[in-house]
Amino acid sequence: MADAGLSGSRNDRPGLQLVLGRMRRKEASFLVVAKLDRLSRSIRDGADVIDQANRQRWALVDLGSGVDMSTPAGEMVAGVLLSAAQYERRLIGVRTKEGLASAKARGVSLGKPTAYPDELLTRIHRMHGHGLSLRKIAEMLTNEGVTTTKGGRWHASSVRSVLNSERMGALVAA
């Protein structure tokens, strides 16, 4: 089972939960992972899975390290591997945040351009300028049958995104 496209930092991945349920029901006696950091990039979540394996008496097999996690030494090595995976995940987050801030400082346009007509942008800007809350603007647009670019309901966060968009900034400045 694979959770393609989902981060190992999350323990609520559907594939992982499915497999852990099968292990709990004793439908298999071992769980094989290519590498421990593919199972989890969180010390706590990885340790929880290892503890669950030990309590429920099924084996967790890491093909990448070959460590027997049912032994005290194996648990210790697994802890070190999980710690390294969590450290790497956090480093990637810091580097990504720094890279985005640097790109933004250089004037690089980030994110998807706003695809709404100028008339709608002007209207949202005017409503906000008249003191309407983000929630009220979203409620009014939804009630009028105006959909977001994805065809959904408006929320305060979607109104905020439109108000903070580069297109809105350019439209207001013109």
C-alpha atoms as a PDB file:
ATOM      1  CA  MET A   1       0.000   0.000   0.000  1.00  0.00           C
ATOM      2  CA  ALA A   2       1.322   3.453  -0.855  1.00  0.00           C
ATOM      3  CA  ASP A   3       0.227   6.956   0.049  1.00  0.00           C
ATOM      4  CA  ALA A   4       1.513   8.643  -3.101  1.00  0.00           C
ATOM      5  CA  GLY A   5       1.838  12.387  -2.780  1.00  0.00           C
ATOM      6  CA  LEU A   6       1.184  12.468   0.965  1.00  0.00           C
ATOM      7  CA  SER A   7       3.856  13.522   3.423  1.00  0.00           C
ATOM      8  CA  GLY A   8       5.410  11.026   5.801  1.00  0.00           C
ATOM      9  CA  SER A   9       5.047  13.737   8.437  1.00  0.00           C
ATOM     10  CA  ARG A  10       1.371  12.830   8.665  1.00  0.00           C
ATOM     11  CA  ASN A  11       0.226   9.704  10.465  1.00  0.00           C
ATOM     12  CA  ASP A  12      -3.369  10.009   9.226  1.00  0.00           C
ATOM     13  CA  ARG A  13      -2.556   8.860   5.686  1.00  0.00           C
ATOM     14  CA  PRO A  14      -5.328   6.601   4.337  1.00  0.00           C
ATOM     15  CA  GLY A  15      -2.976   3.853   3.135  1.00  0.00           C
ATOM     16  CA  LEU A  16      -1.092   3.728   6.439  1.00  0.00           C
ATOM     17  CA  GLN A  17      -4.311   3.635   8.442  1.00  0.00           C
ATOM     18  CA  LEU A  18      -5.645   0.843   6.223  1.00  0.00           C
ATOM     19  CA  VAL A  19      -2.496  -1.234   6.724  1.00  0.00           C
ATOM     20  CA  LEU A  20      -2.390  -0.593  10.485  1.00  0.00           C
ATOM     21  CA  GLY A  21      -6.038  -1.689  10.701  1.00  0.00           C
ATOM     22  CA  ARG A  22      -5.188  -4.905   8.869  1.00  0.00           C
ATOM     23  CA  MET A  23      -2.277  -5.501  11.240  1.00  0.00           C
ATOM     24  CA  ARG A  24      -4.563  -4.893  14.244  1.00  0.00           C
ATOM     25  CA  ARG A  25      -7.034  -7.457  12.851  1.00  0.00           C
ATOM     26  CA  LYS A  26      -4.171  -9.955  12.452  1.00  0.00           C
ATOM     27  CA  GLU A  27      -4.658 -10.183   8.674  1.00  0.00           C
ATOM     28  CA  ALA A  28      -0.850 -10.155   8.336  1.00  0.00           C
ATOM     29  CA  SER A  29       2.059 -10.889  10.640  1.00  0.00           C
ATOM     30  CA  PHE A  30       4.535  -8.302   9.347  1.00  0.00           C
ATOM     31  CA  LEU A  31       4.616  -4.887   7.726  1.00  0.00           C
ATOM     32  CA  VAL A  32       7.426  -4.196   5.263  1.00  0.00           C
ATOM     33  CA  VAL A  33       8.620  -0.649   4.553  1.00  0.00           C
ATOM     34  CA  ALA A  34      11.254   0.317   1.979  1.00  0.00           C
ATOM     35  CA  LYS A  35      12.805   2.752   4.451  1.00  0.00           C
ATOM     36  CA  LEU A  36      11.747   3.803   7.916  1.00  0.00           C
ATOM     37  CA  ASP A  37      11.483   7.454   6.851  1.00  0.00           C
ATOM     38  CA  ARG A  38       8.841   6.388   4.300  1.00  0.00           C
ATOM     39  CA  LEU A  39       6.763   5.074   7.206  1.00  0.00           C
ATOM     40  CA  SER A  40       7.109   8.267   9.222  1.00  0.00           C
ATOM     41  CA  ARG A  41       9.099  11.480   9.424  1.00  0.00           C
ATOM     42  CA  SER A  42       7.998  12.013  12.998  1.00  0.00           C
ATOM     43  CA  ILE A  43       9.775  10.515  15.999  1.00  0.00           C
ATOM     44  CA  ARG A  44       6.536  10.243  17.956  1.00  0.00           C
ATOM     45  CA  ASP A  45       4.427   8.750  15.148  1.00  0.00           C
ATOM     46  CA  GLY A  46       7.141   6.283  14.109  1.00  0.00           C
ATOM     47  CA  ALA A  47       7.670   5.210  17.712  1.00  0.00           C
ATOM     48  CA  ASP A  48       3.905   4.735  18.080  1.00  0.00           C
ATOM     49  CA  VAL A  49       3.869   2.346  15.093  1.00  0.00           C
ATOM     50  CA  ILE A  50       6.869   0.426  16.473  1.00  0.00           C
ATOM     51  CA  ASP A  51       5.182   0.227  19.881  1.00  0.00           C
ATOM     52  CA  GLN A  52       1.943  -0.923  18.243  1.00  0.00           C
ATOM     53  CA  ALA A  53       3.857  -3.659  16.390  1.00  0.00           C
ATOM     54  CA  ASN A  54       5.425  -4.868  19.631  1.00  0.00           C
ATOM     55  CA  ARG A  55       2.165  -4.770  21.612  1.00  0.00           C
ATOM     56  CA  GLN A  56       0.138  -6.508  18.889  1.00  0.00           C
ATOM     57  CA  ARG A  57       2.944  -8.962  18.144  1.00  0.00           C
ATOM     58  CA  TRP A  58       3.545  -8.264  14.473  1.00  0.00           C
ATOM     59  CA  ALA A  59       6.882  -7.445  12.884  1.00  0.00           C
ATOM     60  CA  LEU A  60       7.864  -4.149  11.301  1.00  0.00           C
ATOM     61  CA  VAL A  61      10.518  -4.833   8.673  1.00  0.00           C
ATOM     62  CA  ASP A  62      12.641  -1.964   7.338  1.00  0.00           C
ATOM     63  CA  LEU A  63      14.307  -3.107   4.114  1.00  0.00           C
ATOM     64  CA  GLY A  64      16.520  -0.025   4.043  1.00  0.00           C
ATOM     65  CA  SER A  65      18.316  -0.640   7.325  1.00  0.00           C
ATOM     66  CA  GLY A  66      17.657  -4.306   8.033  1.00  0.00           C
ATOM     67  CA  VAL A  67      17.188  -3.424  11.711  1.00  0.00           C
ATOM     68  CA  ASP A  68      15.186  -5.826  13.881  1.00  0.00           C
ATOM     69  CA  MET A  69      12.893  -3.408  15.674  1.00  0.00           C
ATOM     70  CA  SER A  70      11.618  -6.051  18.063  1.00  0.00           C
ATOM     71  CA  THR A  71      14.877  -5.860  20.027  1.00  0.00           C
ATOM     72  CA  PRO A  72      16.011  -3.077  22.378  1.00  0.00           C
ATOM     73  CA  ALA A  73      19.014  -2.340  20.105  1.00  0.00           C
ATOM     74  CA  GLY A  74      16.739  -2.270  17.061  1.00  0.00           C
ATOM     75  CA  GLU A  75      14.357   0.126  18.777  1.00  0.00           C
ATOM     76  CA  MET A  76      17.269   2.413  19.615  1.00  0.00           C
ATOM     77  CA  VAL A  77      18.545   2.408  16.019  1.00  0.00           C
ATOM     78  CA  ALA A  78      15.004   2.980  14.745  1.00  0.00           C
ATOM     79  CA  GLY A  79      14.742   5.958  17.105  1.00  0.00           C
ATOM     80  CA  VAL A  80      17.921   7.431  15.648  1.00  0.00           C
ATOM     81  CA  LEU A  81      16.645   6.864  12.088  1.00  0.00           C
ATOM     82  CA  LEU A  82      13.301   8.481  12.915  1.00  0.00           C
ATOM     83  CA  SER A  83      15.077  11.390  14.589  1.00  0.00           C
ATOM     84  CA  ALA A  84      17.172  11.936  11.445  1.00  0.00           C
ATOM     85  CA  ALA A  85      14.040  11.749   9.272  1.00  0.00           C
ATOM     86  CA  GLN A  86      12.242  14.340  11.422  1.00  0.00           C
ATOM     87  CA  TYR A  87      15.322  16.602  11.362  1.00  0.00           C
ATOM     88  CA  GLU A  88      15.479  16.333   7.567  1.00  0.00           C
ATOM     89  CA  ARG A  89      11.762  17.140   7.252  1.00  0.00           C
ATOM     90  CA  ARG A  90      12.159  20.235   9.408  1.00  0.00           C
ATOM     91  CA  LEU A  91      15.256  21.362   7.489  1.00  0.00           C
ATOM     92  CA  ILE A  92      13.353  21.063   4.224  1.00  0.00           C
ATOM     93  CA  GLY A  93      10.579  23.217   5.706  1.00  0.00           C
ATOM     94  CA  VAL A  94      13.046  25.908   6.813  1.00  0.00           C
ATOM     95  CA  ARG A  95      14.808  25.916   3.437  1.00  0.00           C
ATOM     96  CA  THR A  96      11.519  26.105   1.567  1.00  0.00           C
ATOM     97  CA  LYS A  97      10.323  29.016   3.711  1.00  0.00           C
ATOM     98  CA  GLU A  98      13.641  30.845   3.223  1.00  0.00           C
ATOM     99  CA  GLY A  99      13.603  30.173  -0.525  1.00  0.00           C
ATOM    100  CA  LEU A 100      10.059  31.505  -0.906  1.00  0.00           C
ATOM    101  CA  ALA A 101      10.903  34.616   1.135  1.00  0.00           C
ATOM    102  CA  SER A 102      13.994  35.206  -1.004  1.00  0.00           C
ATOM    103  CA  ALA A 103      12.031  34.777  -4.231  1.00  0.00           C
ATOM    104  CA  LYS A 104       9.334  37.136  -2.992  1.00  0.00           C
ATOM    105  CA  ALA A 105      11.979  39.727  -2.017  1.00  0.00           C
ATOM    106  CA  ARG A 106      13.381  39.516  -5.564  1.00  0.00           C
ATOM    107  CA  GLY A 107       9.910  40.252  -6.934  1.00  0.00           C
ATOM    108  CA  VAL A 108       9.161  36.746  -8.188  1.00  0.00           C
ATOM    109  CA  SER A 109       5.425  36.189  -8.525  1.00  0.00           C
ATOM    110  CA  LEU A 110       4.369  33.293  -6.293  1.00  0.00           C
ATOM    111  CA  GLY A 111       1.200  31.281  -6.440  1.00  0.00           C
ATOM    112  CA  LYS A 112      -1.515  30.949  -9.020  1.00  0.00           C
ATOM    113  CA  PRO A 113      -2.737  34.168 -10.643  1.00  0.00           C
ATOM    114  CA  THR A 114      -6.245  35.281  -9.713  1.00  0.00           C
ATOM    115  CA  ALA A 115      -8.591  34.279 -12.553  1.00  0.00           C
ATOM    116  CA  TYR A 116     -11.596  36.420 -11.606  1.00  0.00           C
ATOM    117  CA  PRO A 117     -12.935  39.154 -13.877  1.00  0.00           C
ATOM    118  CA  ASP A 118     -11.863  42.711 -13.041  1.00  0.00           C
ATOM    119  CA  GLU A 119     -15.486  43.630 -12.294  1.00  0.00           C
ATOM    120  CA  LEU A 120     -15.674  41.034  -9.511  1.00  0.00           C
ATOM    121  CA  LEU A 121     -12.329  42.117  -8.065  1.00  0.00           C
ATOM    122  CA  THR A 122     -13.452  45.741  -8.077  1.00  0.00           C
ATOM    123  CA  ARG A 123     -16.718  44.798  -6.401  1.00  0.00           C
ATOM    124  CA  ILE A 124     -14.978  42.783  -3.652  1.00  0.00           C
ATOM    125  CA  HIS A 125     -12.547  45.650  -3.064  1.00  0.00           C
ATOM    126  CA  ARG A 126     -15.427  48.135  -2.838  1.00  0.00           C
ATOM    127  CA  MET A 127     -17.424  45.938  -0.417  1.00  0.00           C
ATOM    128  CA  HIS A 128     -14.373  45.542   1.811  1.00  0.00           C
ATOM    129  CA  GLY A 129     -13.722  49.293   1.603  1.00  0.00           C
ATOM    130  CA  HIS A 130     -17.274  49.927   2.829  1.00  0.00           C
ATOM    131  CA  GLY A 131     -16.483  47.941   5.972  1.00  0.00           C
ATOM    132  CA  LEU A 132     -18.044  44.586   5.157  1.00  0.00           C
ATOM    133  CA  SER A 133     -16.265  41.684   6.863  1.00  0.00           C
ATOM    134  CA  LEU A 134     -14.579  38.970   4.846  1.00  0.00           C
ATOM    135  CA  ARG A 135     -17.206  36.523   6.076  1.00  0.00           C
ATOM    136  CA  LYS A 136     -20.086  38.816   5.036  1.00  0.00           C
ATOM    137  CA  ILE A 137     -18.582  39.340   1.564  1.00  0.00           C
ATOM    138  CA  ALA A 138     -18.184  35.563   1.168  1.00  0.00           C
ATOM    139  CA  GLU A 139     -21.750  34.984   2.312  1.00  0.00           C
ATOM    140  CA  MET A 140     -23.135  37.583  -0.129  1.00  0.00           C
ATOM    141  CA  LEU A 141     -21.200  36.190  -3.108  1.00  0.00           C
ATOM    142  CA  THR A 142     -22.253  32.618  -2.325  1.00  0.00           C
ATOM    143  CA  ASN A 143     -25.904  33.626  -1.855  1.00  0.00           C
ATOM    144  CA  GLU A 144     -25.826  35.369  -5.238  1.00  0.00           C
ATOM    145  CA  GLY A 145     -24.569  32.194  -6.904  1.00  0.00           C
ATOM    146  CA  VAL A 146     -21.088  33.557  -7.626  1.00  0.00           C
ATOM    147  CA  THR A 147     -18.636  30.656  -7.342  1.00  0.00           C
ATOM    148  CA  THR A 148     -14.920  30.586  -6.686  1.00  0.00           C
ATOM    149  CA  THR A 149     -12.526  29.672  -9.506  1.00  0.00           C
ATOM    150  CA  LYS A 150     -12.878  26.051  -8.440  1.00  0.00           C
ATOM    151  CA  GLY A 151     -16.674  26.293  -8.613  1.00  0.00           C
ATOM    152  CA  GLY A 152     -17.183  26.204  -4.856  1.00  0.00           C
ATOM    153  CA  ARG A 153     -18.581  28.350  -2.084  1.00  0.00           C
ATOM    154  CA  TRP A 154     -16.832  31.483  -0.914  1.00  0.00           C
ATOM    155  CA  HIS A 155     -15.184  31.590   2.506  1.00  0.00           C
ATOM    156  CA  ALA A 156     -13.512  34.423   4.376  1.00  0.00           C
ATOM    157  CA  SER A 157     -10.143  32.907   3.430  1.00  0.00           C
ATOM    158  CA  SER A 158     -10.972  32.940  -0.295  1.00  0.00           C
ATOM    159  CA  VAL A 159     -12.028  36.592  -0.081  1.00  0.00           C
ATOM    160  CA  ARG A 160      -8.792  37.376   1.788  1.00  0.00           C
ATOM    161  CA  SER A 161      -6.779  35.635  -0.946  1.00  0.00           C
ATOM    162  CA  VAL A 162      -8.467  37.724  -3.624  1.00  0.00           C
ATOM    163  CA  LEU A 163      -7.924  40.958  -1.670  1.00  0.00           C
ATOM    164  CA  ASN A 164      -4.227  40.105  -1.181  1.00  0.00           C
ATOM    165  CA  SER A 165      -3.648  38.952  -4.759  1.00  0.00           C
ATOM    166  CA  GLU A 166      -1.211  40.698  -7.083  1.00  0.00           C
ATOM    167  CA  ARG A 167      -3.998  41.297  -9.596  1.00  0.00           C
ATOM    168  CA  MET A 168      -6.043  43.084  -6.952  1.00  0.00           C
ATOM    169  CA  GLY A 169      -3.013  45.190  -6.065  1.00  0.00           C
ATOM    170  CA  ALA A 170      -2.462  46.114  -9.706  1.00  0.00           C
ATOM    171  CA  LEU A 171      -6.157  46.829 -10.255  1.00  0.00           C
ATOM    172  CA  VAL A 172      -6.376  49.094  -7.186  1.00  0.00           C
ATOM    173  CA  ALA A 173      -3.146  50.898  -8.110  1.00  0.00           C
ATOM    174  CA  ALA A 174      -4.395  51.670 -11.638  1.00  0.00           C
END
